[in-house]
Amino acid sequence: MPATTRPGPRTPVWTDLRAHATRLAAVPVQELFERDPGRFERLSRERAGLLMDFSRQRLDEIALAKLFQLADVIGLRGRIDAMWQGAPINTTEDRAVLHVALRQPHGAGVGGTEIEQAVMAERARMLGFARGVREGAIQGSAGKPFRLVVNIGIGGSDLGPAMAVQALSAFTLGAPRCEFVSNIDGVHLADVLREADPGTTLFIVSSKTFTTLETLTNARTARAWLAGKLGEPAVPRHFAAVSVNTRAMDEFGVHPEYRFPMWDWVGGRYSVWSSIGVSLAIAIGERNFLEFLSGGHEMDEHFRTAPWDENLPVLMGLIAVWNINFMNLPTLAVLPYDDSLRRFPAYLQQLEMESNGKSVTLEGRPVEWQTAAVIWGEPGNNGQHS
C-alpha cells in the first residue's frame, strides 16, 4: 500500500461538509428532534453490548452520508486492512501497528503466523505467572504468598492497567491488592508502602527500555525499601518487570523468570492488552483476563468488517472529525456515571490525544486542520458541578 494517503481536507468532500455544517450550525438539537421524532432510532447503534447514541449531535443523515464518503476517499478501508496485515503504517518509525494482534484468539492469524505464535506464547507465560501470584504458588523470599502487588510505570504502562483494575474491581475477590505508582515525587509510593509487609509485597517495573526517569526513580526507591527490610538477597524474589532491556534488569536484580517483553509494534498507550496487563491478570484472574481480551477482539472484528454506517469506532471517529473541524467544538467531556470507571477519562486522554493530536501530516508538513479534541472529564456527578 502507498506510504501516504490523501488528507480529507484536500478533497472536494471536505468542501461539501463545510456547506452542511453551515446548514446545521444554527439548528438547535431540540429542533432536530422536533423535525424527526424517530431520530434516536436512526442515529444510534448497538454492538457487543455497547450502545452508541449520536442522535444528540448536531448532525443529520445527509451530513453523515457525506462523512462516509470522506472515509472512502481517504482510503480508510485499505488502511484498516493494512493494519491487520502488519504493514508498517507507522511510517515515521517504519513499524507495524498491531495492538489488535494482542487481543486475538488462537487461529485468528492477525499480523501473520509468526506474530500470532509470539503473542500466544508470551500470553501463556504471563498468565502462568499471574496465576501463580494470585493463587500463592509464587511467593516472596520468606515463603509467604504476595498480598500486595505494586505496578511501577508511567503513561501507558500505568494508565491502562490502573484504569482496568479499578473498572473490574468486582472481579478481584481473593486476589492480592494491586496498586499503581507513577508520580516521581515519592508521596504516592510512600503512602502505598506505609503499612506494607515487605515479605508479601511484589513490585512490577513496567518500562520497555528500563530507563524511564520517573519509573526508575520509583523502582530504585522501592528496591532500597525492600532491601533495607529484607536484605539484598531477597530482591529478585520481589521484583518482576515488563521490559526488553535484559542488561538493566540483570543489574537491578529482577528475577530471571519474572521478565516479560514488549514488542516495538505496540504503542505504550495500547499495551494494557499485553504483558503490561500482568497486574490486571493478577487482579481479575486468568479467565476474566481472557474475557477482557475476547471483548476487545470482538470489537476489533466489528471495526474491521462492518460497513461504515454500522461501525461504532468509525462512526465515533468521523463524528469527532465533524465536531472539531466543522462544528468548532475543540474539547470532549468524558463523564462516566459508574464510579468504577473514574480512571477512564485519564486513560482516554493519552489514548486519544497522543494518537491523534498531531501537528504534521504523514508527509511532514504542518497540518492545516484540527486533528484531535482536548479530552477532559470526571465522574459524572462531579463533572456536572465543575
Protein backbone atom coordinates (compact mmCIF):
# COMPACT_ATOMS: atom_id res chain seq x y z
CA MET A 1 0.00 0.00 0.00
CA PRO A 2 1.20 3.60 -0.50
CA ALA A 3 3.02 5.15 2.44
CA THR A 4 0.76 8.21 2.34
CA THR A 5 -2.90 8.91 1.82
CA ARG A 6 -4.73 11.95 0.58
CA PRO A 7 -5.76 14.04 3.59
CA GLY A 8 -9.50 14.66 3.85
CA PRO A 9 -9.22 18.48 3.83
CA ARG A 10 -7.64 18.27 0.37
CA THR A 11 -10.66 16.54 -1.15
CA PRO A 12 -13.90 18.01 -2.56
CA VAL A 13 -15.83 16.12 0.13
CA TRP A 14 -14.37 18.47 2.75
CA THR A 15 -15.88 21.46 0.98
CA ASP A 16 -19.24 19.70 0.85
CA LEU A 17 -19.05 19.04 4.56
CA ARG A 18 -18.43 22.73 5.25
CA ALA A 19 -21.66 23.52 3.43
CA HIS A 20 -23.57 21.00 5.56
CA ALA A 21 -22.00 22.42 8.71
CA THR A 22 -23.21 25.90 7.74
CA ARG A 23 -26.70 24.46 7.21
CA LEU A 24 -26.77 22.73 10.61
CA ALA A 25 -24.73 25.02 12.86
CA ALA A 26 -27.61 27.27 13.85
CA VAL A 27 -30.18 24.50 14.32
CA PRO A 28 -30.72 23.56 17.99
CA VAL A 29 -30.63 19.84 18.71
CA GLN A 30 -34.13 20.08 20.16
CA GLU A 31 -35.38 21.31 16.80
CA LEU A 32 -33.74 18.37 15.05
CA PHE A 33 -35.80 16.05 17.27
CA GLU A 34 -38.96 18.05 16.59
CA ARG A 35 -38.38 17.70 12.87
CA ASP A 36 -37.67 13.97 13.21
CA PRO A 37 -39.30 12.17 16.19
CA GLY A 38 -37.60 8.91 15.10
CA ARG A 39 -34.16 10.47 15.24
CA PHE A 40 -32.88 8.28 18.07
CA GLU A 41 -33.78 5.06 16.25
CA ARG A 42 -31.94 6.22 13.13
CA LEU A 43 -28.94 7.79 14.84
CA SER A 44 -27.96 5.17 17.38
CA ARG A 45 -26.18 1.83 17.03
CA GLU A 46 -25.59 -1.13 19.30
CA ARG A 47 -22.86 -3.74 19.15
CA ALA A 48 -21.01 -6.03 21.56
CA GLY A 49 -23.12 -4.84 24.47
CA LEU A 50 -22.36 -1.17 23.78
CA LEU A 51 -24.96 1.43 22.82
CA MET A 52 -23.75 4.46 20.87
CA ASP A 53 -26.27 7.30 20.83
CA PHE A 54 -25.25 10.10 18.49
CA SER A 55 -28.76 11.47 17.96
CA ARG A 56 -27.90 14.50 20.09
CA GLN A 57 -25.04 15.57 17.85
CA ARG A 58 -25.69 18.49 15.51
CA LEU A 59 -25.73 16.13 12.58
CA ASP A 60 -28.24 14.57 10.20
CA GLU A 61 -28.25 11.60 7.86
CA ILE A 62 -27.33 13.75 4.87
CA ALA A 63 -24.17 15.05 6.54
CA LEU A 64 -23.46 11.56 7.91
CA ALA A 65 -23.56 10.11 4.39
CA LYS A 66 -21.04 12.74 3.33
CA LEU A 67 -18.76 11.69 6.23
CA PHE A 68 -18.92 8.13 4.92
CA GLN A 69 -17.77 9.46 1.55
CA LEU A 70 -14.86 11.10 3.33
CA ALA A 71 -13.88 7.72 4.81
CA ASP A 72 -13.93 6.23 1.32
CA VAL A 73 -12.00 8.97 -0.41
CA ILE A 74 -9.12 8.88 2.10
CA GLY A 75 -8.85 5.09 1.76
CA LEU A 76 -9.83 4.15 5.30
CA ARG A 77 -10.74 0.57 4.39
CA GLY A 78 -7.33 -0.03 2.87
CA ARG A 79 -5.62 1.43 5.91
CA ILE A 80 -7.57 -0.90 8.21
CA ASP A 81 -6.66 -3.93 6.09
CA ALA A 82 -3.01 -2.89 6.03
CA MET A 83 -3.02 -2.60 9.81
CA TRP A 84 -4.33 -6.15 10.23
CA GLN A 85 -1.74 -7.48 7.78
CA GLY A 86 1.11 -5.97 9.76
CA ALA A 87 2.12 -3.39 7.15
CA PRO A 88 4.34 -0.57 8.52
CA ILE A 89 1.58 2.02 8.70
CA ASN A 90 3.58 3.84 11.39
CA THR A 91 5.60 5.49 8.65
CA THR A 92 7.59 7.73 10.98
CA GLU A 93 9.25 4.74 12.66
CA ASP A 94 8.62 2.25 9.82
CA ARG A 95 6.75 -0.09 12.15
CA ALA A 96 3.60 -2.13 12.15
CA VAL A 97 0.74 -1.08 14.43
CA LEU A 98 -0.52 -4.37 15.81
CA HIS A 99 -2.12 -3.89 19.20
CA VAL A 100 -5.08 -5.72 17.64
CA ALA A 101 -2.86 -8.82 17.50
CA LEU A 102 -2.65 -8.81 21.30
CA ARG A 103 -6.38 -9.44 21.58
CA GLN A 104 -6.65 -12.24 19.02
CA PRO A 105 -7.65 -15.82 19.91
CA HIS A 106 -5.83 -18.91 18.69
CA GLY A 107 -6.09 -19.30 14.93
CA ALA A 108 -7.01 -15.70 14.11
CA GLY A 109 -3.70 -15.02 12.39
CA VAL A 110 -3.74 -11.27 13.00
CA GLY A 111 -0.40 -9.90 11.84
CA GLY A 112 0.63 -13.24 10.37
CA THR A 113 1.54 -16.64 11.79
CA GLU A 114 4.79 -15.55 13.42
CA ILE A 115 3.15 -12.67 15.28
CA GLU A 116 0.25 -14.85 16.41
CA GLN A 117 2.60 -17.53 17.75
CA ALA A 118 4.69 -14.98 19.63
CA VAL A 119 1.59 -13.42 21.19
CA MET A 120 0.16 -16.77 22.26
CA ALA A 121 3.43 -17.97 23.78
CA GLU A 122 4.01 -14.79 25.74
CA ARG A 123 0.38 -14.57 26.83
CA ALA A 124 0.54 -18.12 28.22
CA ARG A 125 3.77 -17.36 30.10
CA MET A 126 2.40 -14.11 31.54
CA LEU A 127 -0.87 -15.71 32.58
CA GLY A 128 1.01 -18.59 34.21
CA PHE A 129 2.94 -16.08 36.30
CA ALA A 130 -0.21 -14.14 37.17
CA ARG A 131 -1.95 -17.35 38.19
CA GLY A 132 0.99 -18.33 40.40
CA VAL A 133 0.97 -14.96 42.16
CA ARG A 134 -2.81 -14.88 42.54
CA GLU A 135 -3.06 -18.42 43.89
CA GLY A 136 0.01 -18.20 46.12
CA ALA A 137 2.23 -20.68 44.27
CA ILE A 138 4.75 -17.90 43.56
CA GLN A 139 5.89 -16.49 46.87
CA GLY A 140 8.27 -13.96 48.37
CA SER A 141 11.65 -14.62 49.93
CA ALA A 142 10.08 -15.58 53.27
CA GLY A 143 7.88 -18.23 51.68
CA LYS A 144 4.69 -16.20 52.05
CA PRO A 145 2.11 -15.51 49.30
CA PHE A 146 2.04 -11.99 47.95
CA ARG A 147 -0.77 -9.82 49.30
CA LEU A 148 0.29 -6.52 47.69
CA VAL A 149 1.33 -6.01 44.06
CA VAL A 150 2.75 -2.59 43.16
CA ASN A 151 2.97 -1.72 39.47
CA ILE A 152 5.60 0.96 38.88
CA GLY A 153 5.25 2.64 35.49
CA ILE A 154 4.08 5.80 33.78
CA GLY A 155 1.91 6.71 30.81
CA GLY A 156 0.63 3.62 29.02
CA SER A 157 2.45 1.39 31.50
CA ASP A 158 0.29 2.84 34.27
CA LEU A 159 -2.91 4.41 32.96
CA GLY A 160 -4.30 1.36 31.17
CA PRO A 161 -3.87 -1.31 33.85
CA ALA A 162 -4.75 1.13 36.65
CA MET A 163 -7.98 2.07 34.86
CA ALA A 164 -8.87 -1.55 34.12
CA VAL A 165 -8.19 -2.86 37.63
CA GLN A 166 -10.43 -0.13 39.04
CA ALA A 167 -13.14 -0.74 36.44
CA LEU A 168 -13.13 -4.50 37.03
CA SER A 169 -12.76 -4.39 40.80
CA ALA A 170 -15.84 -6.58 41.18
CA PHE A 171 -13.74 -9.49 39.86
CA THR A 172 -10.79 -9.06 42.23
CA LEU A 173 -12.11 -11.07 45.19
CA GLY A 174 -9.35 -13.23 46.66
CA ALA A 175 -6.57 -11.53 44.71
CA PRO A 176 -3.65 -9.56 46.12
CA ARG A 177 -4.32 -5.83 46.36
CA CYS A 178 -2.95 -4.05 43.30
CA GLU A 179 -1.59 -0.51 43.49
CA PHE A 180 -0.16 1.69 40.72
CA VAL A 181 2.60 4.21 41.28
CA SER A 182 3.73 6.71 38.64
CA ASN A 183 4.37 10.07 40.31
CA ILE A 184 8.07 10.83 40.75
CA ASP A 185 7.59 12.93 43.89
CA GLY A 186 7.57 9.80 46.05
CA VAL A 187 4.49 10.62 48.10
CA HIS A 188 2.30 8.01 46.44
CA LEU A 189 4.87 5.24 46.84
CA ALA A 190 5.41 6.20 50.46
CA ASP A 191 1.66 6.06 51.08
CA VAL A 192 1.37 2.64 49.40
CA LEU A 193 4.26 1.20 51.44
CA ARG A 194 3.45 2.85 54.79
CA GLU A 195 1.81 -0.26 56.26
CA ALA A 196 3.01 -2.80 53.69
CA ASP A 197 4.68 -6.05 54.70
CA PRO A 198 7.83 -6.34 52.58
CA GLY A 199 7.69 -10.12 52.84
CA THR A 200 4.36 -10.19 50.99
CA THR A 201 4.96 -7.32 48.54
CA LEU A 202 5.70 -7.81 44.82
CA PHE A 203 6.86 -4.97 42.59
CA ILE A 204 6.34 -4.98 38.82
CA VAL A 205 8.53 -2.47 36.98
CA SER A 206 6.86 -1.62 33.67
CA SER A 207 9.27 0.15 31.34
CA LYS A 208 10.11 -1.02 27.82
CA THR A 209 13.61 0.49 27.97
CA PHE A 210 14.08 0.26 31.75
CA THR A 211 15.44 3.80 31.55
CA THR A 212 12.33 5.98 32.01
CA LEU A 213 13.30 8.55 34.64
CA GLU A 214 10.09 8.56 36.68
CA THR A 215 9.73 4.79 36.66
CA LEU A 216 13.37 4.09 37.52
CA THR A 217 13.34 6.65 40.34
CA ASN A 218 10.34 4.97 41.95
CA ALA A 219 11.72 1.48 41.26
CA ARG A 220 15.03 2.29 42.96
CA THR A 221 13.19 3.73 45.93
CA ALA A 222 11.11 0.55 46.18
CA ARG A 223 14.23 -1.59 45.86
CA ALA A 224 16.01 0.31 48.62
CA TRP A 225 12.95 -0.04 50.88
CA LEU A 226 12.75 -3.78 50.32
CA ALA A 227 16.49 -4.43 50.60
CA GLY A 228 16.58 -2.39 53.79
CA LYS A 229 13.84 -4.54 55.30
CA LEU A 230 14.75 -8.00 53.96
CA GLY A 231 18.34 -7.73 52.72
CA GLU A 232 19.84 -7.69 49.22
CA PRO A 233 19.43 -11.44 48.55
CA ALA A 234 15.64 -11.05 48.83
CA VAL A 235 15.35 -8.53 45.97
CA PRO A 236 14.90 -10.90 42.98
CA ARG A 237 12.03 -12.78 44.62
CA HIS A 238 10.11 -9.50 44.94
CA PHE A 239 10.72 -7.85 41.56
CA ALA A 240 9.20 -8.63 38.18
CA ALA A 241 9.47 -6.45 35.07
CA VAL A 242 7.98 -5.81 31.65
CA SER A 243 10.93 -4.65 29.56
CA VAL A 244 13.31 -5.56 26.75
CA ASN A 245 16.46 -4.27 28.47
CA THR A 246 17.98 -7.52 29.77
CA ARG A 247 21.19 -5.91 30.97
CA ALA A 248 19.36 -3.28 33.02
CA MET A 249 17.12 -5.93 34.58
CA ASP A 250 20.19 -8.01 35.45
CA GLU A 251 21.86 -5.03 37.12
CA PHE A 252 18.69 -4.12 39.02
CA GLY A 253 18.11 -7.65 40.26
CA VAL A 254 14.83 -8.60 38.56
CA HIS A 255 14.12 -12.31 38.91
CA PRO A 256 15.16 -14.01 35.63
CA GLU A 257 11.86 -15.88 35.37
CA TYR A 258 9.71 -12.86 36.15
CA ARG A 259 10.53 -10.89 32.98
CA PHE A 260 8.15 -10.19 30.13
CA PRO A 261 8.93 -8.44 26.82
CA MET A 262 7.21 -5.65 24.92
CA TRP A 263 7.16 -5.51 21.14
CA ASP A 264 8.00 -2.42 19.13
CA TRP A 265 4.77 -2.80 17.17
CA VAL A 266 2.70 -2.00 20.27
CA GLY A 267 2.38 1.62 21.37
CA GLY A 268 2.52 2.07 25.13
CA ARG A 269 -0.96 3.58 25.25
CA TYR A 270 -2.38 0.32 23.80
CA SER A 271 -0.28 -2.02 25.93
CA VAL A 272 -2.78 -2.99 28.65
CA TRP A 273 -3.67 -5.93 26.37
CA SER A 274 -0.05 -7.18 26.50
CA SER A 275 2.14 -8.26 29.41
CA ILE A 276 1.81 -4.70 30.70
CA GLY A 277 -1.57 -6.04 31.82
CA VAL A 278 0.06 -8.62 34.13
CA SER A 279 -1.13 -6.69 37.20
CA LEU A 280 -4.66 -6.75 35.76
CA ALA A 281 -4.38 -10.52 35.19
CA ILE A 282 -3.29 -10.96 38.79
CA ALA A 283 -6.21 -8.83 39.99
CA ILE A 284 -9.05 -10.39 37.98
CA GLY A 285 -7.69 -13.86 37.22
CA GLU A 286 -6.91 -15.71 34.01
CA ARG A 287 -10.47 -16.47 32.92
CA ASN A 288 -11.61 -12.88 33.30
CA PHE A 289 -8.48 -11.55 31.59
CA LEU A 290 -9.19 -13.80 28.61
CA GLU A 291 -12.76 -12.48 28.58
CA PHE A 292 -11.33 -8.97 28.58
CA LEU A 293 -9.25 -9.85 25.50
CA SER A 294 -12.23 -11.54 23.87
CA GLY A 295 -14.36 -8.43 24.22
CA GLY A 296 -11.61 -6.34 22.65
CA HIS A 297 -11.26 -8.80 19.78
CA GLU A 298 -14.99 -8.78 19.16
CA MET A 299 -14.90 -5.01 18.73
CA ASP A 300 -11.76 -5.28 16.59
CA GLU A 301 -13.52 -7.61 14.17
CA HIS A 302 -16.55 -5.34 14.12
CA PHE A 303 -14.26 -2.41 13.25
CA ARG A 304 -12.51 -4.43 10.55
CA THR A 305 -15.61 -5.79 8.80
CA ALA A 306 -18.70 -3.65 9.49
CA PRO A 307 -19.94 -1.13 6.92
CA TRP A 308 -19.38 2.49 7.88
CA ASP A 309 -23.00 3.16 8.84
CA GLU A 310 -22.93 0.34 11.42
CA ASN A 311 -19.31 0.63 12.53
CA LEU A 312 -19.10 2.08 16.04
CA PRO A 313 -15.39 3.04 16.05
CA VAL A 314 -15.63 4.56 12.56
CA LEU A 315 -18.78 6.47 13.47
CA MET A 316 -17.08 7.85 16.58
CA GLY A 317 -14.02 8.85 14.58
CA LEU A 318 -15.98 10.55 11.81
CA ILE A 319 -18.20 12.40 14.27
CA ALA A 320 -15.07 13.57 16.08
CA VAL A 321 -13.74 14.96 12.78
CA TRP A 322 -17.11 16.65 12.22
CA ASN A 323 -17.21 18.24 15.67
CA ILE A 324 -13.67 19.59 15.87
CA ASN A 325 -13.36 20.76 12.25
CA PHE A 326 -16.89 21.77 11.23
CA MET A 327 -18.81 22.44 14.45
CA ASN A 328 -15.81 24.15 16.07
CA LEU A 329 -16.07 22.09 19.24
CA PRO A 330 -12.46 21.76 20.43
CA THR A 331 -12.99 19.73 23.61
CA LEU A 332 -14.73 16.50 24.56
CA ALA A 333 -16.04 15.81 28.06
CA VAL A 334 -15.95 12.18 29.20
CA LEU A 335 -18.24 11.80 32.21
CA PRO A 336 -18.56 8.20 33.45
CA TYR A 337 -21.53 7.76 35.78
CA ASP A 338 -20.31 4.38 37.00
CA ASP A 339 -17.75 5.30 39.66
CA SER A 340 -15.66 2.24 38.87
CA LEU A 341 -14.82 3.97 35.57
CA ARG A 342 -13.43 7.06 37.28
CA ARG A 343 -9.95 6.50 35.81
CA PHE A 344 -11.37 6.19 32.29
CA PRO A 345 -11.09 9.90 31.33
CA ALA A 346 -7.38 9.96 32.24
CA TYR A 347 -6.78 6.80 30.21
CA LEU A 348 -8.62 8.26 27.21
CA GLN A 349 -6.64 11.48 27.40
CA GLN A 350 -3.44 9.69 26.47
CA LEU A 351 -5.08 7.15 24.18
CA GLU A 352 -6.86 9.78 22.07
CA MET A 353 -4.64 12.84 22.21
CA GLU A 354 -1.30 11.07 21.82
CA SER A 355 -2.70 9.01 18.95
CA ASN A 356 -4.46 11.76 17.02
CA GLY A 357 -3.10 15.06 18.32
CA LYS A 358 -0.56 15.61 15.57
CA SER A 359 0.94 18.83 14.23
CA VAL A 360 2.36 17.45 10.98
CA THR A 361 0.96 15.26 8.20
CA LEU A 362 2.39 11.93 7.06
CA GLU A 363 4.40 13.93 4.51
CA GLY A 364 5.94 16.01 7.32
CA ARG A 365 4.03 19.19 6.50
CA PRO A 366 2.25 21.32 9.12
CA VAL A 367 -1.40 20.35 9.44
CA GLU A 368 -3.99 22.89 8.39
CA TRP A 369 -6.91 21.36 10.26
CA GLN A 370 -7.78 20.05 13.72
CA THR A 371 -6.61 16.51 14.46
CA ALA A 372 -7.94 15.80 17.96
CA ALA A 373 -10.19 17.21 20.64
CA VAL A 374 -8.90 18.06 24.09
CA ILE A 375 -10.21 15.27 26.33
CA TRP A 376 -11.22 16.04 29.90
CA GLY A 377 -13.64 14.69 32.45
CA GLU A 378 -14.52 13.45 35.89
CA PRO A 379 -17.11 11.02 37.21
CA GLY A 380 -20.47 12.31 36.03
CA ASN A 381 -21.90 13.89 39.15
CA ASN A 382 -18.67 15.73 39.95
CA GLY A 383 -18.35 16.79 36.34
CA GLN A 384 -21.81 18.33 36.43
CA HIS A 385 -20.77 20.61 39.28
CA SER A 386 -17.37 21.63 37.93
